[in-house]
Amino acid sequence: MNLKTLDLSFNELRRLPGSICNLQQLETLNLYVNKLEELPGLIGQLGKLKELNASYNQLTSLPDSMGELQQLDSLYARANNLTSIPVSLKNLSNLKKLVLDKSSKRERLYSNGIIYY
C-alpha cells in the first residue's frame, strides 16, 4: 500500500492496531484528539514518517522505538499525560519541531540531561 497520509483525528480511539506499523510509505500520521493511552511499540518501523501529531490524547509515555524515525521532522504530543520522554529522541537528527506543552502532570519533562517545559 502506498498510503502517505493517514488522519485518524477525532475518532475516540483507545488504541491503534500494531498493523499500522506496516504502512511503510506513510509520511504523515495524525492521531489528534483521541483517547490513546499508548502508541504501538513498533512505531519506529515507519521509516518514512515525517510528521506525527498525537496531541490531545491520554499518552503517559512515548515508545523508545520513536528514536528510529530518522525522517521525522515534526512531533506534536501536546496536552497528554506524559511523565517522561524516551532518551532515544536525541537520535532524531531531522527533528525541527517538538511540541510537548501542556503534556505533563508535572511542571517539566526530563530526558538525558535536557529539561523540556
N, C-alpha and C. Protein backbone atom coordinates (compact mmCIF):
# COMPACT_ATOMS: atom_id res chain seq x y z
N MET A 1 0.84 -1.18 0.00
CA MET A 1 0.00 0.00 0.00
C MET A 1 0.88 1.24 0.00
N ASN A 2 0.52 2.22 -0.78
CA ASN A 2 1.32 3.44 -0.92
C ASN A 2 0.73 4.62 -0.17
N LEU A 3 0.00 4.38 0.89
CA LEU A 3 -0.63 5.44 1.67
C LEU A 3 0.43 6.36 2.27
N LYS A 4 0.31 7.66 2.03
CA LYS A 4 1.29 8.61 2.53
C LYS A 4 0.77 9.42 3.72
N THR A 5 -0.53 9.63 3.80
CA THR A 5 -1.14 10.40 4.88
C THR A 5 -2.30 9.62 5.47
N LEU A 6 -2.32 9.52 6.80
CA LEU A 6 -3.41 8.86 7.50
C LEU A 6 -3.88 9.78 8.61
N ASP A 7 -5.13 10.20 8.52
CA ASP A 7 -5.72 11.11 9.50
C ASP A 7 -6.81 10.36 10.27
N LEU A 8 -6.52 10.06 11.53
CA LEU A 8 -7.46 9.36 12.40
C LEU A 8 -7.93 10.27 13.53
N SER A 9 -7.86 11.57 13.32
CA SER A 9 -8.22 12.51 14.37
C SER A 9 -9.73 12.47 14.67
N PHE A 10 -10.06 12.82 15.90
CA PHE A 10 -11.45 12.92 16.37
C PHE A 10 -12.24 11.61 16.23
N ASN A 11 -11.63 10.50 16.59
CA ASN A 11 -12.30 9.21 16.48
C ASN A 11 -12.49 8.48 17.81
N GLU A 12 -12.08 9.08 18.89
CA GLU A 12 -12.18 8.47 20.22
C GLU A 12 -11.50 7.10 20.29
N LEU A 13 -10.41 6.95 19.53
CA LEU A 13 -9.65 5.70 19.55
C LEU A 13 -8.96 5.52 20.88
N ARG A 14 -8.99 4.31 21.40
CA ARG A 14 -8.31 3.99 22.65
C ARG A 14 -6.97 3.30 22.39
N ARG A 15 -6.86 2.66 21.25
CA ARG A 15 -5.60 2.02 20.87
C ARG A 15 -5.51 1.90 19.36
N LEU A 16 -4.29 1.77 18.89
CA LEU A 16 -4.05 1.57 17.46
C LEU A 16 -3.62 0.13 17.23
N PRO A 17 -4.03 -0.46 16.14
CA PRO A 17 -3.54 -1.83 15.85
C PRO A 17 -2.06 -1.78 15.49
N GLY A 18 -1.34 -2.79 15.91
CA GLY A 18 0.08 -2.87 15.58
C GLY A 18 0.32 -2.89 14.08
N SER A 19 -0.67 -3.32 13.33
CA SER A 19 -0.53 -3.41 11.87
C SER A 19 -0.35 -2.04 11.22
N ILE A 20 -0.66 -0.98 11.94
CA ILE A 20 -0.45 0.36 11.39
C ILE A 20 1.03 0.58 11.06
N CYS A 21 1.88 -0.15 11.75
CA CYS A 21 3.33 -0.03 11.54
C CYS A 21 3.78 -0.68 10.23
N ASN A 22 2.86 -1.35 9.53
CA ASN A 22 3.17 -1.95 8.24
C ASN A 22 3.02 -0.97 7.08
N LEU A 23 2.56 0.25 7.37
CA LEU A 23 2.37 1.26 6.33
C LEU A 23 3.70 1.94 6.03
N GLN A 24 4.55 1.24 5.31
CA GLN A 24 5.93 1.65 5.10
C GLN A 24 6.12 2.95 4.34
N GLN A 25 5.12 3.40 3.59
CA GLN A 25 5.23 4.64 2.81
C GLN A 25 4.64 5.84 3.55
N LEU A 26 4.10 5.63 4.74
CA LEU A 26 3.41 6.67 5.48
C LEU A 26 4.36 7.81 5.86
N GLU A 27 3.97 9.04 5.53
CA GLU A 27 4.77 10.23 5.84
C GLU A 27 4.12 11.10 6.91
N THR A 28 2.79 11.07 7.00
CA THR A 28 2.07 11.89 7.97
C THR A 28 1.04 11.03 8.69
N LEU A 29 1.10 11.05 10.03
CA LEU A 29 0.14 10.31 10.85
C LEU A 29 -0.48 11.28 11.84
N ASN A 30 -1.78 11.51 11.69
CA ASN A 30 -2.49 12.44 12.55
C ASN A 30 -3.42 11.65 13.48
N LEU A 31 -3.11 11.70 14.77
CA LEU A 31 -3.88 11.00 15.80
C LEU A 31 -4.50 11.99 16.77
N TYR A 32 -4.62 13.20 16.36
CA TYR A 32 -5.09 14.34 17.14
C TYR A 32 -6.48 14.07 17.74
N VAL A 33 -6.65 14.37 19.00
CA VAL A 33 -7.92 14.28 19.74
C VAL A 33 -8.54 12.88 19.65
N ASN A 34 -7.93 11.97 20.37
CA ASN A 34 -8.47 10.63 20.57
C ASN A 34 -8.34 10.32 22.06
N LYS A 35 -8.35 9.07 22.41
CA LYS A 35 -8.21 8.67 23.81
C LYS A 35 -7.09 7.65 23.96
N LEU A 36 -6.06 7.80 23.13
CA LEU A 36 -4.96 6.85 23.11
C LEU A 36 -4.14 6.95 24.40
N GLU A 37 -3.85 5.79 24.99
CA GLU A 37 -3.02 5.74 26.18
C GLU A 37 -1.59 5.35 25.84
N GLU A 38 -1.40 4.79 24.64
CA GLU A 38 -0.06 4.42 24.19
C GLU A 38 -0.03 4.35 22.68
N LEU A 39 1.18 4.46 22.15
CA LEU A 39 1.41 4.28 20.72
C LEU A 39 2.02 2.89 20.54
N PRO A 40 1.86 2.28 19.36
CA PRO A 40 2.44 0.96 19.15
C PRO A 40 3.95 0.96 19.38
N GLY A 41 4.44 -0.05 20.03
CA GLY A 41 5.87 -0.16 20.32
C GLY A 41 6.72 -0.24 19.07
N LEU A 42 6.14 -0.69 17.97
CA LEU A 42 6.89 -0.83 16.72
C LEU A 42 6.75 0.38 15.80
N ILE A 43 6.32 1.50 16.34
CA ILE A 43 6.12 2.69 15.51
C ILE A 43 7.41 3.12 14.81
N GLY A 44 8.54 2.72 15.34
CA GLY A 44 9.83 3.03 14.72
C GLY A 44 10.01 2.41 13.35
N GLN A 45 9.15 1.47 12.99
CA GLN A 45 9.23 0.84 11.68
C GLN A 45 8.69 1.73 10.56
N LEU A 46 8.05 2.83 10.92
CA LEU A 46 7.53 3.76 9.91
C LEU A 46 8.66 4.66 9.43
N GLY A 47 9.57 4.07 8.69
CA GLY A 47 10.82 4.72 8.31
C GLY A 47 10.70 6.00 7.51
N LYS A 48 9.56 6.23 6.85
CA LYS A 48 9.40 7.44 6.04
C LYS A 48 8.55 8.50 6.74
N LEU A 49 8.14 8.23 7.97
CA LEU A 49 7.28 9.16 8.69
C LEU A 49 8.00 10.48 8.94
N LYS A 50 7.36 11.56 8.52
CA LYS A 50 7.93 12.90 8.69
C LYS A 50 7.20 13.70 9.75
N GLU A 51 5.91 13.46 9.89
CA GLU A 51 5.12 14.23 10.86
C GLU A 51 4.19 13.30 11.64
N LEU A 52 4.24 13.44 12.96
CA LEU A 52 3.36 12.68 13.85
C LEU A 52 2.69 13.66 14.79
N ASN A 53 1.36 13.67 14.76
CA ASN A 53 0.60 14.50 15.69
C ASN A 53 -0.22 13.59 16.58
N ALA A 54 0.19 13.48 17.84
CA ALA A 54 -0.51 12.68 18.83
C ALA A 54 -1.01 13.57 19.96
N SER A 55 -1.30 14.81 19.64
CA SER A 55 -1.77 15.78 20.64
C SER A 55 -3.18 15.44 21.10
N TYR A 56 -3.48 15.88 22.32
CA TYR A 56 -4.81 15.74 22.91
C TYR A 56 -5.27 14.28 22.97
N ASN A 57 -4.43 13.47 23.60
CA ASN A 57 -4.75 12.08 23.88
C ASN A 57 -4.52 11.86 25.38
N GLN A 58 -4.28 10.63 25.76
CA GLN A 58 -4.02 10.31 27.16
C GLN A 58 -2.71 9.56 27.31
N LEU A 59 -1.74 9.89 26.47
CA LEU A 59 -0.45 9.22 26.49
C LEU A 59 0.31 9.54 27.77
N THR A 60 0.91 8.53 28.37
CA THR A 60 1.74 8.74 29.55
C THR A 60 3.22 8.64 29.20
N SER A 61 3.52 8.04 28.05
CA SER A 61 4.90 7.93 27.59
C SER A 61 4.89 7.74 26.08
N LEU A 62 6.08 7.83 25.50
CA LEU A 62 6.27 7.59 24.07
C LEU A 62 7.19 6.38 23.93
N PRO A 63 6.98 5.53 22.93
CA PRO A 63 7.81 4.34 22.78
C PRO A 63 9.28 4.67 22.48
N ASP A 64 10.18 3.87 23.00
CA ASP A 64 11.60 4.04 22.72
C ASP A 64 11.90 3.96 21.22
N SER A 65 11.11 3.17 20.51
CA SER A 65 11.36 2.98 19.08
C SER A 65 11.18 4.27 18.28
N MET A 66 10.62 5.30 18.88
CA MET A 66 10.48 6.58 18.16
C MET A 66 11.82 7.13 17.75
N GLY A 67 12.88 6.77 18.44
CA GLY A 67 14.22 7.21 18.09
C GLY A 67 14.70 6.66 16.77
N GLU A 68 13.97 5.70 16.20
CA GLU A 68 14.31 5.10 14.92
C GLU A 68 13.67 5.84 13.75
N LEU A 69 12.84 6.81 14.02
CA LEU A 69 12.13 7.54 12.97
C LEU A 69 13.04 8.63 12.40
N GLN A 70 14.01 8.22 11.61
CA GLN A 70 15.06 9.12 11.13
C GLN A 70 14.56 10.23 10.22
N GLN A 71 13.41 10.08 9.59
CA GLN A 71 12.86 11.12 8.71
C GLN A 71 11.94 12.09 9.45
N LEU A 72 11.62 11.79 10.70
CA LEU A 72 10.67 12.61 11.46
C LEU A 72 11.21 14.02 11.65
N ASP A 73 10.42 15.01 11.20
CA ASP A 73 10.84 16.40 11.40
C ASP A 73 9.88 17.16 12.31
N SER A 74 8.68 16.61 12.57
CA SER A 74 7.72 17.28 13.43
C SER A 74 7.02 16.26 14.33
N LEU A 75 7.10 16.49 15.63
CA LEU A 75 6.43 15.63 16.60
C LEU A 75 5.61 16.52 17.53
N TYR A 76 4.31 16.31 17.48
CA TYR A 76 3.38 17.05 18.32
C TYR A 76 2.75 16.07 19.31
N ALA A 77 2.94 16.34 20.59
CA ALA A 77 2.35 15.49 21.63
C ALA A 77 1.82 16.38 22.75
N ARG A 78 1.26 17.50 22.40
CA ARG A 78 0.75 18.47 23.38
C ARG A 78 -0.51 17.90 24.04
N ALA A 79 -0.71 18.34 25.29
CA ALA A 79 -1.93 18.01 26.05
C ALA A 79 -2.15 16.51 26.20
N ASN A 80 -1.15 15.84 26.72
CA ASN A 80 -1.24 14.44 27.09
C ASN A 80 -0.91 14.34 28.58
N ASN A 81 -0.65 13.15 29.05
CA ASN A 81 -0.28 12.93 30.45
C ASN A 81 1.16 12.44 30.56
N LEU A 82 2.02 12.94 29.69
CA LEU A 82 3.41 12.48 29.66
C LEU A 82 4.13 12.79 30.97
N THR A 83 4.81 11.79 31.48
CA THR A 83 5.64 11.98 32.67
C THR A 83 7.11 11.77 32.33
N SER A 84 7.37 11.27 31.12
CA SER A 84 8.75 11.11 30.66
C SER A 84 8.74 11.01 29.14
N ILE A 85 9.90 11.21 28.57
CA ILE A 85 10.07 11.02 27.13
C ILE A 85 11.29 10.14 26.93
N PRO A 86 11.32 9.35 25.86
CA PRO A 86 12.45 8.44 25.68
C PRO A 86 13.75 9.17 25.33
N VAL A 87 14.83 8.69 25.87
CA VAL A 87 16.15 9.23 25.56
C VAL A 87 16.44 9.09 24.07
N SER A 88 15.84 8.09 23.45
CA SER A 88 16.09 7.84 22.03
C SER A 88 15.70 9.00 21.12
N LEU A 89 14.90 9.95 21.60
CA LEU A 89 14.54 11.10 20.77
C LEU A 89 15.76 11.91 20.36
N LYS A 90 16.84 11.80 21.12
CA LYS A 90 18.06 12.54 20.75
C LYS A 90 18.64 12.04 19.43
N ASN A 91 18.21 10.86 18.97
CA ASN A 91 18.69 10.30 17.70
C ASN A 91 17.97 10.89 16.49
N LEU A 92 16.96 11.70 16.70
CA LEU A 92 16.16 12.24 15.61
C LEU A 92 16.83 13.49 15.03
N SER A 93 17.81 13.27 14.18
CA SER A 93 18.62 14.38 13.66
C SER A 93 17.84 15.32 12.75
N ASN A 94 16.72 14.89 12.18
CA ASN A 94 15.92 15.75 11.30
C ASN A 94 14.79 16.46 12.04
N LEU A 95 14.65 16.22 13.33
CA LEU A 95 13.55 16.81 14.09
C LEU A 95 13.72 18.33 14.20
N LYS A 96 12.72 19.05 13.69
CA LYS A 96 12.74 20.51 13.74
C LYS A 96 11.70 21.05 14.70
N LYS A 97 10.59 20.33 14.87
CA LYS A 97 9.52 20.76 15.77
C LYS A 97 9.21 19.66 16.77
N LEU A 98 9.32 20.01 18.04
CA LEU A 98 8.95 19.10 19.13
C LEU A 98 8.03 19.90 20.05
N VAL A 99 6.76 19.54 20.06
CA VAL A 99 5.77 20.29 20.83
C VAL A 99 5.21 19.38 21.92
N LEU A 100 5.56 19.69 23.15
CA LEU A 100 5.14 18.89 24.30
C LEU A 100 4.40 19.72 25.35
N ASP A 101 4.09 20.97 25.03
CA ASP A 101 3.47 21.81 26.04
C ASP A 101 2.11 21.23 26.48
N LYS A 102 1.76 21.54 27.69
CA LYS A 102 0.52 21.04 28.30
C LYS A 102 0.49 19.52 28.32
N SER A 103 1.67 18.90 28.33
CA SER A 103 1.75 17.46 28.15
C SER A 103 2.09 16.68 29.41
N SER A 104 2.15 17.33 30.52
CA SER A 104 2.65 16.59 31.67
C SER A 104 1.84 16.89 32.92
N LYS A 105 1.75 15.89 33.76
CA LYS A 105 1.18 16.09 35.08
C LYS A 105 2.17 16.86 35.94
N ARG A 106 3.42 16.83 35.52
CA ARG A 106 4.48 17.55 36.22
C ARG A 106 4.73 18.88 35.52
N GLU A 107 5.52 19.72 36.13
CA GLU A 107 5.84 21.00 35.50
C GLU A 107 6.75 20.85 34.31
N ARG A 108 7.60 19.82 34.31
CA ARG A 108 8.54 19.66 33.21
C ARG A 108 8.89 18.20 33.00
N LEU A 109 9.38 17.90 31.85
CA LEU A 109 9.83 16.56 31.50
C LEU A 109 11.34 16.57 31.45
N TYR A 110 11.94 15.46 31.81
CA TYR A 110 13.39 15.38 31.88
C TYR A 110 13.86 14.17 31.08
N SER A 111 14.82 14.36 30.22
CA SER A 111 15.37 13.26 29.46
C SER A 111 16.84 13.52 29.14
N ASN A 112 17.69 12.64 29.60
CA ASN A 112 19.11 12.68 29.25
C ASN A 112 19.73 14.05 29.46
N GLY A 113 19.44 14.66 30.57
CA GLY A 113 20.04 15.94 30.89
C GLY A 113 19.37 17.14 30.27
N ILE A 114 18.29 16.93 29.51
CA ILE A 114 17.57 18.01 28.88
C ILE A 114 16.22 18.17 29.55
N ILE A 115 15.87 19.38 29.90
CA ILE A 115 14.59 19.65 30.54
C ILE A 115 13.67 20.30 29.50
N TYR A 116 12.50 19.71 29.31
CA TYR A 116 11.52 20.23 28.37
C TYR A 116 10.37 20.85 29.17
N TYR A 117 10.07 22.10 28.90
CA TYR A 117 8.96 22.77 29.59
C TYR A 117 7.72 22.75 28.74
